[in-house]
PDB file of N, CA and C in Angstrom:
ATOM      1  N   MET A   1      33.811  12.270  -0.110  1.00  0.00           N
ATOM      2  CA  MET A   1      32.539  12.015  -0.750  1.00  0.00           C
ATOM      3  C   MET A   1      31.426  12.227   0.278  1.00  0.00           C
ATOM      4  N   ALA A   2      30.369  12.924  -0.163  1.00  0.00           N
ATOM      5  CA  ALA A   2      29.235  13.176   0.713  1.00  0.00           C
ATOM      6  C   ALA A   2      28.401  11.904   0.873  1.00  0.00           C
ATOM      7  N   THR A   3      27.805  11.754   2.040  1.00  0.00           N
ATOM      8  CA  THR A   3      26.944  10.609   2.302  1.00  0.00           C
ATOM      9  C   THR A   3      25.597  10.822   1.626  1.00  0.00           C
ATOM     10  N   ILE A   4      25.115   9.804   0.939  1.00  0.00           N
ATOM     11  CA  ILE A   4      23.811   9.859   0.283  1.00  0.00           C
ATOM     12  C   ILE A   4      22.765   9.413   1.304  1.00  0.00           C
ATOM     13  N   LEU A   5      21.763  10.247   1.509  1.00  0.00           N
ATOM     14  CA  LEU A   5      20.723   9.962   2.501  1.00  0.00           C
ATOM     15  C   LEU A   5      19.438   9.480   1.832  1.00  0.00           C
ATOM     16  N   GLU A   6      18.717   8.592   2.520  1.00  0.00           N
ATOM     17  CA  GLU A   6      17.436   8.107   1.999  1.00  0.00           C
ATOM     18  C   GLU A   6      16.461   9.262   1.795  1.00  0.00           C
ATOM     19  N   SER A   7      16.491  10.238   2.691  1.00  0.00           N
ATOM     20  CA  SER A   7      15.583  11.387   2.550  1.00  0.00           C
ATOM     21  C   SER A   7      15.874  12.161   1.263  1.00  0.00           C
ATOM     22  N   SER A   8      17.146  12.246   0.872  1.00  0.00           N
ATOM     23  CA  SER A   8      17.511  12.917  -0.378  1.00  0.00           C
ATOM     24  C   SER A   8      17.004  12.126  -1.580  1.00  0.00           C
ATOM     25  N   VAL A   9      17.113  10.798  -1.507  1.00  0.00           N
ATOM     26  CA  VAL A   9      16.631   9.941  -2.590  1.00  0.00           C
ATOM     27  C   VAL A   9      15.118  10.114  -2.737  1.00  0.00           C
ATOM     28  N   MET A  10      14.391  10.088  -1.622  1.00  0.00           N
ATOM     29  CA  MET A  10      12.933  10.239  -1.682  1.00  0.00           C
ATOM     30  C   MET A  10      12.534  11.608  -2.222  1.00  0.00           C
ATOM     31  N   GLU A  11      13.275  12.639  -1.845  1.00  0.00           N
ATOM     32  CA  GLU A  11      12.996  13.987  -2.344  1.00  0.00           C
ATOM     33  C   GLU A  11      13.131  14.029  -3.868  1.00  0.00           C
ATOM     34  N   VAL A  12      14.174  13.401  -4.391  1.00  0.00           N
ATOM     35  CA  VAL A  12      14.375  13.362  -5.840  1.00  0.00           C
ATOM     36  C   VAL A  12      13.263  12.545  -6.505  1.00  0.00           C
ATOM     37  N   LEU A  13      12.887  11.427  -5.899  1.00  0.00           N
ATOM     38  CA  LEU A  13      11.840  10.591  -6.493  1.00  0.00           C
ATOM     39  C   LEU A  13      10.495  11.312  -6.519  1.00  0.00           C
ATOM     40  N   ARG A  14      10.304  12.310  -5.668  1.00  0.00           N
ATOM     41  CA  ARG A  14       9.076  13.114  -5.702  1.00  0.00           C
ATOM     42  C   ARG A  14       9.011  13.980  -6.963  1.00  0.00           C
ATOM     43  N   THR A  15      10.116  14.124  -7.666  1.00  0.00           N
ATOM     44  CA  THR A  15      10.118  14.903  -8.915  1.00  0.00           C
ATOM     45  C   THR A  15       9.757  14.034 -10.124  1.00  0.00           C
ATOM     46  N   VAL A  16       9.657  12.719  -9.921  1.00  0.00           N
ATOM     47  CA  VAL A  16       9.349  11.794 -11.021  1.00  0.00           C
ATOM     48  C   VAL A  16       7.840  11.614 -11.093  1.00  0.00           C
ATOM     49  N   LYS A  17       7.253  12.058 -12.181  1.00  0.00           N
ATOM     50  CA  LYS A  17       5.804  11.983 -12.356  1.00  0.00           C
ATOM     51  C   LYS A  17       5.396  10.646 -12.960  1.00  0.00           C
ATOM     52  N   TYR A  18       4.231  10.149 -12.546  1.00  0.00           N
ATOM     53  CA  TYR A  18       3.650   8.958 -13.157  1.00  0.00           C
ATOM     54  C   TYR A  18       3.178   9.370 -14.553  1.00  0.00           C
ATOM     55  N   PRO A  19       3.524   8.610 -15.598  1.00  0.00           N
ATOM     56  CA  PRO A  19       3.155   8.995 -16.973  1.00  0.00           C
ATOM     57  C   PRO A  19       1.653   9.265 -17.124  1.00  0.00           C
ATOM     58  N   GLY A  20       1.333  10.448 -17.647  1.00  0.00           N
ATOM     59  CA  GLY A  20      -0.053  10.824 -17.888  1.00  0.00           C
ATOM     60  C   GLY A  20      -0.745  11.486 -16.700  1.00  0.00           C
ATOM     61  N   TYR A  21      -0.043  11.628 -15.578  1.00  0.00           N
ATOM     62  CA  TYR A  21      -0.612  12.228 -14.368  1.00  0.00           C
ATOM     63  C   TYR A  21       0.284  13.356 -13.883  1.00  0.00           C
ATOM     64  N   SER A  22      -0.264  14.222 -13.051  1.00  0.00           N
ATOM     65  CA  SER A  22       0.544  15.306 -12.490  1.00  0.00           C
ATOM     66  C   SER A  22       1.171  14.910 -11.152  1.00  0.00           C
ATOM     67  N   ARG A  23       0.750  13.760 -10.605  1.00  0.00           N
ATOM     68  CA  ARG A  23       1.285  13.304  -9.311  1.00  0.00           C
ATOM     69  C   ARG A  23       2.580  12.532  -9.498  1.00  0.00           C
ATOM     70  N   ASP A  24       3.368  12.515  -8.423  1.00  0.00           N
ATOM     71  CA  ASP A  24       4.666  11.837  -8.458  1.00  0.00           C
ATOM     72  C   ASP A  24       4.547  10.404  -7.946  1.00  0.00           C
ATOM     73  N   ILE A  25       5.593   9.613  -8.178  1.00  0.00           N
ATOM     74  CA  ILE A  25       5.579   8.193  -7.823  1.00  0.00           C
ATOM     75  C   ILE A  25       5.601   7.961  -6.314  1.00  0.00           C
ATOM     76  N   VAL A  26       6.113   8.918  -5.541  1.00  0.00           N
ATOM     77  CA  VAL A  26       6.117   8.777  -4.074  1.00  0.00           C
ATOM     78  C   VAL A  26       4.710   8.985  -3.535  1.00  0.00           C
ATOM     79  N   SER A  27       4.025  10.032  -3.994  1.00  0.00           N
ATOM     80  CA  SER A  27       2.669  10.299  -3.486  1.00  0.00           C
ATOM     81  C   SER A  27       1.690   9.206  -3.916  1.00  0.00           C
ATOM     82  N   PHE A  28       1.959   8.514  -5.019  1.00  0.00           N
ATOM     83  CA  PHE A  28       1.135   7.386  -5.436  1.00  0.00           C
ATOM     84  C   PHE A  28       1.444   6.122  -4.621  1.00  0.00           C
ATOM     85  N   GLY A  29       2.513   6.155  -3.817  1.00  0.00           N
ATOM     86  CA  GLY A  29       2.860   5.009  -2.976  1.00  0.00           C
ATOM     87  C   GLY A  29       3.566   3.888  -3.726  1.00  0.00           C
ATOM     88  N   LEU A  30       4.222   4.208  -4.819  1.00  0.00           N
ATOM     89  CA  LEU A  30       4.887   3.187  -5.631  1.00  0.00           C
ATOM     90  C   LEU A  30       6.259   2.792  -5.110  1.00  0.00           C
ATOM     91  N   VAL A  31       6.903   3.666  -4.334  1.00  0.00           N
ATOM     92  CA  VAL A  31       8.242   3.389  -3.826  1.00  0.00           C
ATOM     93  C   VAL A  31       8.115   2.509  -2.587  1.00  0.00           C
ATOM     94  N   LYS A  32       8.630   1.291  -2.669  1.00  0.00           N
ATOM     95  CA  LYS A  32       8.508   0.323  -1.582  1.00  0.00           C
ATOM     96  C   LYS A  32       9.827   0.077  -0.857  1.00  0.00           C
ATOM     97  N   GLY A  33      10.924   0.564  -1.399  1.00  0.00           N
ATOM     98  CA  GLY A  33      12.199   0.379  -0.732  1.00  0.00           C
ATOM     99  C   GLY A  33      13.296   1.205  -1.365  1.00  0.00           C
ATOM    100  N   VAL A  34      14.221   1.642  -0.531  1.00  0.00           N
ATOM    101  CA  VAL A  34      15.408   2.364  -0.986  1.00  0.00           C
ATOM    102  C   VAL A  34      16.585   1.744  -0.270  1.00  0.00           C
ATOM    103  N   GLN A  35      17.624   1.461  -1.020  1.00  0.00           N
ATOM    104  CA  GLN A  35      18.836   0.906  -0.423  1.00  0.00           C
ATOM    105  C   GLN A  35      20.026   1.716  -0.928  1.00  0.00           C
ATOM    106  N   ILE A  36      20.904   2.060  -0.006  1.00  0.00           N
ATOM    107  CA  ILE A  36      22.091   2.844  -0.347  1.00  0.00           C
ATOM    108  C   ILE A  36      23.311   2.080   0.131  1.00  0.00           C
ATOM    109  N   ASP A  37      24.262   1.919  -0.758  1.00  0.00           N
ATOM    110  CA  ASP A  37      25.520   1.249  -0.431  1.00  0.00           C
ATOM    111  C   ASP A  37      26.644   2.104  -1.002  1.00  0.00           C
ATOM    112  N   GLY A  38      27.159   3.006  -0.177  1.00  0.00           N
ATOM    113  CA  GLY A  38      28.194   3.927  -0.643  1.00  0.00           C
ATOM    114  C   GLY A  38      27.627   4.865  -1.688  1.00  0.00           C
ATOM    115  N   SER A  39      28.129   4.755  -2.925  1.00  0.00           N
ATOM    116  CA  SER A  39      27.666   5.626  -4.008  1.00  0.00           C
ATOM    117  C   SER A  39      26.643   4.943  -4.910  1.00  0.00           C
ATOM    118  N   ALA A  40      26.195   3.748  -4.532  1.00  0.00           N
ATOM    119  CA  ALA A  40      25.186   3.014  -5.300  1.00  0.00           C
ATOM    120  C   ALA A  40      23.832   3.132  -4.612  1.00  0.00           C
ATOM    121  N   VAL A  41      22.802   3.396  -5.398  1.00  0.00           N
ATOM    122  CA  VAL A  41      21.448   3.539  -4.878  1.00  0.00           C
ATOM    123  C   VAL A  41      20.535   2.573  -5.617  1.00  0.00           C
ATOM    124  N   GLY A  42      19.739   1.834  -4.855  1.00  0.00           N
ATOM    125  CA  GLY A  42      18.743   0.938  -5.430  1.00  0.00           C
ATOM    126  C   GLY A  42      17.364   1.347  -4.956  1.00  0.00           C
ATOM    127  N   VAL A  43      16.392   1.265  -5.858  1.00  0.00           N
ATOM    128  CA  VAL A  43      15.018   1.642  -5.540  1.00  0.00           C
ATOM    129  C   VAL A  43      14.104   0.507  -5.987  1.00  0.00           C
ATOM    130  N   LEU A  44      13.156   0.143  -5.127  1.00  0.00           N
ATOM    131  CA  LEU A  44      12.161  -0.871  -5.448  1.00  0.00           C
ATOM    132  C   LEU A  44      10.819  -0.184  -5.646  1.00  0.00           C
ATOM    133  N   LEU A  45      10.197  -0.435  -6.804  1.00  0.00           N
ATOM    134  CA  LEU A  45       8.878   0.103  -7.113  1.00  0.00           C
ATOM    135  C   LEU A  45       7.907  -1.046  -7.307  1.00  0.00           C
ATOM    136  N   GLU A  46       6.664  -0.858  -6.891  1.00  0.00           N
ATOM    137  CA  GLU A  46       5.611  -1.824  -7.172  1.00  0.00           C
ATOM    138  C   GLU A  46       4.501  -1.104  -7.916  1.00  0.00           C
ATOM    139  N   LEU A  47       4.137  -1.660  -9.080  1.00  0.00           N
ATOM    140  CA  LEU A  47       3.123  -1.056  -9.940  1.00  0.00           C
ATOM    141  C   LEU A  47       2.002  -2.035 -10.217  1.00  0.00           C
ATOM    142  N   THR A  48       0.793  -1.508 -10.375  1.00  0.00           N
ATOM    143  CA  THR A  48      -0.330  -2.328 -10.810  1.00  0.00           C
ATOM    144  C   THR A  48      -0.691  -1.996 -12.249  1.00  0.00           C
ATOM    145  N   ALA A  49       0.171  -1.296 -12.942  1.00  0.00           N
ATOM    146  CA  ALA A  49      -0.083  -0.899 -14.327  1.00  0.00           C
ATOM    147  C   ALA A  49      -0.202  -2.135 -15.217  1.00  0.00           C
ATOM    148  N   PRO A  50      -1.162  -2.145 -16.129  1.00  0.00           N
ATOM    149  CA  PRO A  50      -1.324  -3.289 -17.010  1.00  0.00           C
ATOM    150  C   PRO A  50      -0.251  -3.362 -18.093  1.00  0.00           C
ATOM    151  N   ASN A  51       0.477  -2.278 -18.292  1.00  0.00           N
ATOM    152  CA  ASN A  51       1.479  -2.208 -19.347  1.00  0.00           C
ATOM    153  C   ASN A  51       2.872  -2.104 -18.728  1.00  0.00           C
ATOM    154  N   PRO A  52       3.731  -3.135 -18.922  1.00  0.00           N
ATOM    155  CA  PRO A  52       5.084  -3.086 -18.348  1.00  0.00           C
ATOM    156  C   PRO A  52       5.913  -1.909 -18.857  1.00  0.00           C
ATOM    157  N   GLU A  53       5.559  -1.372 -20.013  1.00  0.00           N
ATOM    158  CA  GLU A  53       6.313  -0.238 -20.559  1.00  0.00           C
ATOM    159  C   GLU A  53       6.228   0.982 -19.637  1.00  0.00           C
ATOM    160  N   ILE A  54       5.122   1.120 -18.915  1.00  0.00           N
ATOM    161  CA  ILE A  54       4.997   2.234 -17.962  1.00  0.00           C
ATOM    162  C   ILE A  54       6.059   2.088 -16.878  1.00  0.00           C
ATOM    163  N   GLY A  55       6.283   0.862 -16.405  1.00  0.00           N
ATOM    164  CA  GLY A  55       7.330   0.619 -15.423  1.00  0.00           C
ATOM    165  C   GLY A  55       8.698   0.997 -15.946  1.00  0.00           C
ATOM    166  N   ASN A  56       8.956   0.669 -17.203  1.00  0.00           N
ATOM    167  CA  ASN A  56      10.242   1.029 -17.817  1.00  0.00           C
ATOM    168  C   ASN A  56      10.400   2.543 -17.908  1.00  0.00           C
ATOM    169  N   GLN A  57       9.320   3.247 -18.278  1.00  0.00           N
ATOM    170  CA  GLN A  57       9.374   4.707 -18.383  1.00  0.00           C
ATOM    171  C   GLN A  57       9.664   5.338 -17.020  1.00  0.00           C
ATOM    172  N   ILE A  58       8.971   4.856 -16.004  1.00  0.00           N
ATOM    173  CA  ILE A  58       9.167   5.407 -14.660  1.00  0.00           C
ATOM    174  C   ILE A  58      10.576   5.109 -14.171  1.00  0.00           C
ATOM    175  N   ALA A  59      11.044   3.880 -14.388  1.00  0.00           N
ATOM    176  CA  ALA A  59      12.381   3.498 -13.931  1.00  0.00           C
ATOM    177  C   ALA A  59      13.451   4.331 -14.618  1.00  0.00           C
ATOM    178  N   ASP A  60      13.313   4.536 -15.926  1.00  0.00           N
ATOM    179  CA  ASP A  60      14.286   5.360 -16.655  1.00  0.00           C
ATOM    180  C   ASP A  60      14.298   6.788 -16.118  1.00  0.00           C
ATOM    181  N   ALA A  61      13.108   7.347 -15.863  1.00  0.00           N
ATOM    182  CA  ALA A  61      13.013   8.708 -15.338  1.00  0.00           C
ATOM    183  C   ALA A  61      13.609   8.794 -13.934  1.00  0.00           C
ATOM    184  N   ALA A  62      13.357   7.773 -13.112  1.00  0.00           N
ATOM    185  CA  ALA A  62      13.888   7.778 -11.743  1.00  0.00           C
ATOM    186  C   ALA A  62      15.407   7.691 -11.748  1.00  0.00           C
ATOM    187  N   LYS A  63      15.961   6.797 -12.575  1.00  0.00           N
ATOM    188  CA  LYS A  63      17.426   6.678 -12.652  1.00  0.00           C
ATOM    189  C   LYS A  63      18.052   7.991 -13.106  1.00  0.00           C
ATOM    190  N   ALA A  64      17.480   8.600 -14.131  1.00  0.00           N
ATOM    191  CA  ALA A  64      18.024   9.865 -14.633  1.00  0.00           C
ATOM    192  C   ALA A  64      17.951  10.953 -13.562  1.00  0.00           C
ATOM    193  N   ALA A  65      16.820  11.038 -12.865  1.00  0.00           N
ATOM    194  CA  ALA A  65      16.670  12.060 -11.819  1.00  0.00           C
ATOM    195  C   ALA A  65      17.681  11.857 -10.701  1.00  0.00           C
ATOM    196  N   LEU A  66      17.859  10.607 -10.267  1.00  0.00           N
ATOM    197  CA  LEU A  66      18.819  10.334  -9.190  1.00  0.00           C
ATOM    198  C   LEU A  66      20.235  10.718  -9.607  1.00  0.00           C
ATOM    199  N   ARG A  67      20.625  10.328 -10.801  1.00  0.00           N
ATOM    200  CA  ARG A  67      21.987  10.637 -11.273  1.00  0.00           C
ATOM    201  C   ARG A  67      22.193  12.134 -11.470  1.00  0.00           C
ATOM    202  N   ASP A  68      21.152  12.833 -11.953  1.00  0.00           N
ATOM    203  CA  ASP A  68      21.277  14.262 -12.241  1.00  0.00           C
ATOM    204  C   ASP A  68      21.185  15.141 -11.002  1.00  0.00           C
ATOM    205  N   GLN A  69      20.430  14.688  -9.995  1.00  0.00           N
ATOM    206  CA  GLN A  69      20.122  15.577  -8.877  1.00  0.00           C
ATOM    207  C   GLN A  69      20.871  15.272  -7.584  1.00  0.00           C
ATOM    208  N   ILE A  70      21.517  14.111  -7.505  1.00  0.00           N
ATOM    209  CA  ILE A  70      22.269  13.793  -6.282  1.00  0.00           C
ATOM    210  C   ILE A  70      23.730  13.595  -6.650  1.00  0.00           C
ATOM    211  N   GLU A  71      24.551  14.468  -6.112  1.00  0.00           N
ATOM    212  CA  GLU A  71      25.982  14.396  -6.379  1.00  0.00           C
ATOM    213  C   GLU A  71      26.581  13.152  -5.726  1.00  0.00           C
ATOM    214  N   GLY A  72      27.420  12.464  -6.464  1.00  0.00           N
ATOM    215  CA  GLY A  72      28.146  11.334  -5.914  1.00  0.00           C
ATOM    216  C   GLY A  72      27.577   9.968  -6.251  1.00  0.00           C
ATOM    217  N   ILE A  73      26.389   9.901  -6.861  1.00  0.00           N
ATOM    218  CA  ILE A  73      25.828   8.602  -7.233  1.00  0.00           C
ATOM    219  C   ILE A  73      26.574   8.065  -8.444  1.00  0.00           C
ATOM    220  N   THR A  74      27.121   6.864  -8.295  1.00  0.00           N
ATOM    221  CA  THR A  74      27.802   6.223  -9.424  1.00  0.00           C
ATOM    222  C   THR A  74      26.943   5.139 -10.050  1.00  0.00           C
ATOM    223  N   ASP A  75      26.046   4.548  -9.269  1.00  0.00           N
ATOM    224  CA  ASP A  75      25.144   3.508  -9.765  1.00  0.00           C
ATOM    225  C   ASP A  75      23.748   3.794  -9.244  1.00  0.00           C
ATOM    226  N   ALA A  76      22.783   3.887 -10.155  1.00  0.00           N
ATOM    227  CA  ALA A  76      21.380   4.046  -9.776  1.00  0.00           C
ATOM    228  C   ALA A  76      20.611   2.916 -10.441  1.00  0.00           C
ATOM    229  N   HIS A  77      19.979   2.084  -9.625  1.00  0.00           N
ATOM    230  CA  HIS A  77      19.265   0.920 -10.138  1.00  0.00           C
ATOM    231  C   HIS A  77      17.832   0.952  -9.629  1.00  0.00           C
ATOM    232  N   VAL A  78      16.915   0.639 -10.522  1.00  0.00           N
ATOM    233  CA  VAL A  78      15.505   0.637 -10.169  1.00  0.00           C
ATOM    234  C   VAL A  78      14.935  -0.722 -10.529  1.00  0.00           C
ATOM    235  N   GLN A  79      14.354  -1.381  -9.531  1.00  0.00           N
ATOM    236  CA  GLN A  79      13.719  -2.678  -9.727  1.00  0.00           C
ATOM    237  C   GLN A  79      12.212  -2.444  -9.703  1.00  0.00           C
ATOM    238  N   VAL A  80      11.520  -2.971 -10.717  1.00  0.00           N
ATOM    239  CA  VAL A  80      10.084  -2.778 -10.827  1.00  0.00           C
ATOM    240  C   VAL A  80       9.382  -4.119 -10.666  1.00  0.00           C
ATOM    241  N   HIS A  81       8.494  -4.216  -9.685  1.00  0.00           N
ATOM    242  CA  HIS A  81       7.636  -5.395  -9.527  1.00  0.00           C
ATOM    243  C   HIS A  81       6.272  -5.025 -10.078  1.00  0.00           C
ATOM    244  N   LEU A  82       5.777  -5.818 -10.989  1.00  0.00           N
ATOM    245  CA  LEU A  82       4.438  -5.603 -11.531  1.00  0.00           C
ATOM    246  C   LEU A  82       3.456  -6.466 -10.751  1.00  0.00           C
ATOM    247  N   LEU A  83       2.393  -5.845 -10.261  1.00  0.00           N
ATOM    248  CA  LEU A  83       1.386  -6.550  -9.478  1.00  0.00           C
ATOM    249  C   LEU A  83       0.111  -6.677 -10.299  1.00  0.00           C
ATOM    250  N   GLY A  84      -0.588  -7.794 -10.132  1.00  0.00           N
ATOM    251  CA  GLY A  84      -1.883  -7.970 -10.778  1.00  0.00           C
ATOM    252  C   GLY A  84      -2.921  -7.108 -10.081  1.00  0.00           C
ATOM    253  N   GLN A  85      -4.131  -7.102 -10.589  1.00  0.00           N
ATOM    254  CA  GLN A  85      -5.188  -6.266 -10.019  1.00  0.00           C
ATOM    255  C   GLN A  85      -5.511  -6.648  -8.580  1.00  0.00           C
ATOM    256  N   LEU A  86      -5.249  -7.886  -8.183  1.00  0.00           N
ATOM    257  CA  LEU A  86      -5.518  -8.305  -6.820  1.00  0.00           C
ATOM    258  C   LEU A  86      -4.310  -8.125  -5.909  1.00  0.00           C
ATOM    259  N   GLY A  87      -3.260  -7.479  -6.421  1.00  0.00           N
ATOM    260  CA  GLY A  87      -2.075  -7.245  -5.617  1.00  0.00           C
ATOM    261  C   GLY A  87      -1.107  -8.413  -5.622  1.00  0.00           C
ATOM    262  N   MET A  88      -1.309  -9.387  -6.485  1.00  0.00           N
ATOM    263  CA  MET A  88      -0.392 -10.526  -6.563  1.00  0.00           C
ATOM    264  C   MET A  88       0.766 -10.177  -7.485  1.00  0.00           C
ATOM    265  N   ARG A  89       1.946 -10.563  -7.081  1.00  0.00           N
ATOM    266  CA  ARG A  89       3.126 -10.247  -7.860  1.00  0.00           C
ATOM    267  C   ARG A  89       3.133 -11.091  -9.131  1.00  0.00           C
ATOM    268  N   LEU A  90       3.240 -10.415 -10.280  1.00  0.00           N
ATOM    269  CA  LEU A  90       3.276 -11.091 -11.571  1.00  0.00           C
ATOM    270  C   LEU A  90       4.704 -11.374 -12.008  1.00  0.00           C
ATOM    271  N   GLY A  91       5.621 -10.593 -11.535  1.00  0.00           N
ATOM    272  CA  GLY A  91       7.007 -10.771 -11.922  1.00  0.00           C
ATOM    273  C   GLY A  91       7.776  -9.494 -11.678  1.00  0.00           C
ATOM    274  N   ALA A  92       9.058  -9.570 -11.836  1.00  0.00           N
ATOM    275  CA  ALA A  92       9.903  -8.404 -11.625  1.00  0.00           C
ATOM    276  C   ALA A  92      10.761  -8.210 -12.853  1.00  0.00           C
ATOM    277  N   CYS A  93      10.954  -6.980 -13.229  1.00  0.00           N
ATOM    278  CA  CYS A  93      11.865  -6.721 -14.335  1.00  0.00           C
ATOM    279  C   CYS A  93      12.946  -5.777 -13.838  1.00  0.00           C
ATOM    280  N   TRP A  94      14.160  -6.148 -14.074  1.00  0.00           N
ATOM    281  CA  TRP A  94      15.283  -5.270 -13.743  1.00  0.00           C
ATOM    282  C   TRP A  94      15.435  -4.311 -14.889  1.00  0.00           C
ATOM    283  N   VAL A  95      15.477  -3.051 -14.575  1.00  0.00           N
ATOM    284  CA  VAL A  95      15.676  -2.056 -15.604  1.00  0.00           C
ATOM    285  C   VAL A  95      17.170  -1.826 -15.809  1.00  0.00           C
ATOM    286  N   ALA A  96      17.924  -2.113 -14.806  1.00  0.00           N
ATOM    287  CA  ALA A  96      19.382  -2.000 -14.897  1.00  0.00           C
ATOM    288  C   ALA A  96      19.987  -3.109 -14.047  1.00  0.00           C
ATOM    289  N   ARG A  97      21.212  -3.467 -14.320  1.00  0.00           N
ATOM    290  CA  ARG A  97      21.888  -4.502 -13.520  1.00  0.00           C
ATOM    291  C   ARG A  97      22.077  -4.007 -12.100  1.00  0.00           C
ATOM    292  N   ARG A  98      22.005  -4.942 -11.166  1.00  0.00           N
ATOM    293  CA  ARG A  98      22.270  -4.579  -9.770  1.00  0.00           C
ATOM    294  C   ARG A  98      23.746  -4.257  -9.607  1.00  0.00           C
ATOM    295  N   ALA A  99      24.033  -3.319  -8.736  1.00  0.00           N
ATOM    296  CA  ALA A  99      25.424  -3.070  -8.357  1.00  0.00           C
ATOM    297  C   ALA A  99      25.857  -4.220  -7.462  1.00  0.00           C
ATOM    298  N   SER A 100      27.103  -4.569  -7.513  1.00  0.00           N
ATOM    299  CA  SER A 100      27.575  -5.728  -6.757  1.00  0.00           C
ATOM    300  C   SER A 100      27.341  -5.595  -5.258  1.00  0.00           C
ATOM    301  N   GLY A 101      27.314  -4.382  -4.743  1.00  0.00           N
ATOM    302  CA  GLY A 101      27.136  -4.195  -3.307  1.00  0.00           C
ATOM    303  C   GLY A 101      25.687  -4.132  -2.860  1.00  0.00           C
ATOM    304  N   LEU A 102      24.733  -4.108  -3.785  1.00  0.00           N
ATOM    305  CA  LEU A 102      23.335  -3.991  -3.403  1.00  0.00           C
ATOM    306  C   LEU A 102      22.709  -5.367  -3.268  1.00  0.00           C
ATOM    307  N   ARG A 103      22.081  -5.602  -2.133  1.00  0.00           N
ATOM    308  CA  ARG A 103      21.341  -6.850  -1.940  1.00  0.00           C
ATOM    309  C   ARG A 103      20.012  -6.742  -2.669  1.00  0.00           C
ATOM    310  N   HIS A 104      19.313  -7.877  -2.743  1.00  0.00           N
ATOM    311  CA  HIS A 104      17.986  -7.866  -3.345  1.00  0.00           C
ATOM    312  C   HIS A 104      17.099  -6.940  -2.524  1.00  0.00           C
ATOM    313  N   LEU A 105      16.446  -6.020  -3.173  1.00  0.00           N
ATOM    314  CA  LEU A 105      15.579  -5.081  -2.471  1.00  0.00           C
ATOM    315  C   LEU A 105      14.282  -5.762  -2.087  1.00  0.00           C
ATOM    316  N   ARG A 106      13.797  -5.469  -0.900  1.00  0.00           N
ATOM    317  CA  ARG A 106      12.547  -6.038  -0.417  1.00  0.00           C
ATOM    318  C   ARG A 106      11.594  -4.908  -0.061  1.00  0.00           C
ATOM    319  N   PRO A 107      10.299  -5.132  -0.246  1.00  0.00           N
ATOM    320  CA  PRO A 107       9.333  -4.099   0.152  1.00  0.00           C
ATOM    321  C   PRO A 107       9.470  -3.791   1.635  1.00  0.00           C
ATOM    322  N   GLN A 108       9.150  -2.570   2.006  1.00  0.00           N
ATOM    323  CA  GLN A 108       9.235  -2.171   3.400  1.00  0.00           C
ATOM    324  C   GLN A 108       8.016  -2.601   4.194  1.00  0.00           C
ATOM    325  N   HIS A 109       6.942  -3.001   3.517  1.00  0.00           N
ATOM    326  CA  HIS A 109       5.749  -3.438   4.236  1.00  0.00           C
ATOM    327  C   HIS A 109       5.847  -4.940   4.512  1.00  0.00           C
ATOM    328  N   PRO A 110       5.192  -5.440   5.552  1.00  0.00           N
ATOM    329  CA  PRO A 110       5.359  -6.839   5.946  1.00  0.00           C
ATOM    330  C   PRO A 110       4.473  -7.815   5.184  1.00  0.00           C
ATOM    331  N   ALA A 111       4.019  -7.472   3.983  1.00  0.00           N
ATOM    332  CA  ALA A 111       3.178  -8.392   3.212  1.00  0.00           C
ATOM    333  C   ALA A 111       3.978  -9.629   2.856  1.00  0.00           C
ATOM    334  N   ASP A 112       3.377 -10.770   3.016  1.00  0.00           N
ATOM    335  CA  ASP A 112       4.044 -12.019   2.697  1.00  0.00           C
ATOM    336  C   ASP A 112       3.224 -12.731   1.639  1.00  0.00           C
ATOM    337  N   ASP A 113       3.654 -12.599   0.377  1.00  0.00           N
ATOM    338  CA  ASP A 113       2.900 -13.233  -0.693  1.00  0.00           C
ATOM    339  C   ASP A 113       3.575 -14.512  -1.171  1.00  0.00           C
ATOM    340  N   GLY A 114       4.560 -15.007  -0.422  1.00  0.00           N
ATOM    341  CA  GLY A 114       5.220 -16.250  -0.786  1.00  0.00           C
ATOM    342  C   GLY A 114       6.328 -16.093  -1.799  1.00  0.00           C
ATOM    343  N   HIS A 115       6.534 -14.902  -2.296  1.00  0.00           N
ATOM    344  CA  HIS A 115       7.595 -14.648  -3.275  1.00  0.00           C
ATOM    345  C   HIS A 115       8.892 -14.384  -2.532  1.00  0.00           C
ATOM    346  N   PRO A 116      10.037 -14.872  -3.048  1.00  0.00           N
ATOM    347  CA  PRO A 116      11.312 -14.680  -2.338  1.00  0.00           C
ATOM    348  C   PRO A 116      11.658 -13.220  -2.121  1.00  0.00           C
ATOM    349  N   GLY A 117      11.099 -12.295  -2.911  1.00  0.00           N
ATOM    350  CA  GLY A 117      11.412 -10.884  -2.738  1.00  0.00           C
ATOM    351  C   GLY A 117      10.504 -10.189  -1.743  1.00  0.00           C
ATOM    352  N   ALA A 118       9.541 -10.898  -1.204  1.00  0.00           N
ATOM    353  CA  ALA A 118       8.611 -10.283  -0.248  1.00  0.00           C
ATOM    354  C   ALA A 118       9.259 -10.175   1.115  1.00  0.00           C
ATOM    355  N   ALA A 119       8.826  -9.187   1.866  1.00  0.00           N
ATOM    356  CA  ALA A 119       9.340  -9.024   3.218  1.00  0.00           C
ATOM    357  C   ALA A 119       8.747 -10.112   4.113  1.00  0.00           C
ATOM    358  N   HIS A 120       9.553 -10.701   4.952  1.00  0.00           N
ATOM    359  CA  HIS A 120       9.103 -11.735   5.872  1.00  0.00           C
ATOM    360  C   HIS A 120       9.398 -11.268   7.291  1.00  0.00           C
ATOM    361  N   PRO A 121       8.375 -10.978   8.099  1.00  0.00           N
ATOM    362  CA  PRO A 121       8.614 -10.443   9.443  1.00  0.00           C
ATOM    363  C   PRO A 121       9.307 -11.425  10.367  1.00  0.00           C
ATOM    364  N   HIS A 122       9.340 -12.706  10.022  1.00  0.00           N
ATOM    365  CA  HIS A 122       9.950 -13.713  10.907  1.00  0.00           C
ATOM    366  C   HIS A 122      11.403 -13.973  10.597  1.00  0.00           C
ATOM    367  N   ARG A 123      11.992 -13.224   9.683  1.00  0.00           N
ATOM    368  CA  ARG A 123      13.407 -13.420   9.351  1.00  0.00           C
ATOM    369  C   ARG A 123      14.268 -12.401  10.015  1.00  0.00           C
TER     370      ARG A 123
END
């Protein structure tokens, strides 16, 4: 089995367009984390969209792109965090169940908003 690389995952995510725009979710800065565990891939997205359905659309498109474009992926999971207009986390919706080998995804930036899913530089 070929090793799945984060760079390959990001390349595929660049093909996923934000609904109603010509730009992709990577160039918009929505991808906050990628985790790979063997053949399972997890992606963390943060959106400020007022409509959670947009998050579902993007997550469905991202999962389909990952499964279709990267050989060897058996599980593709996308976690969407919806942020309020001030950047406060409103909640998270799992679009698919986590694979047993994937830990909770955390943003790659060191923002600490007090939420258990936030990155904590002191841990």
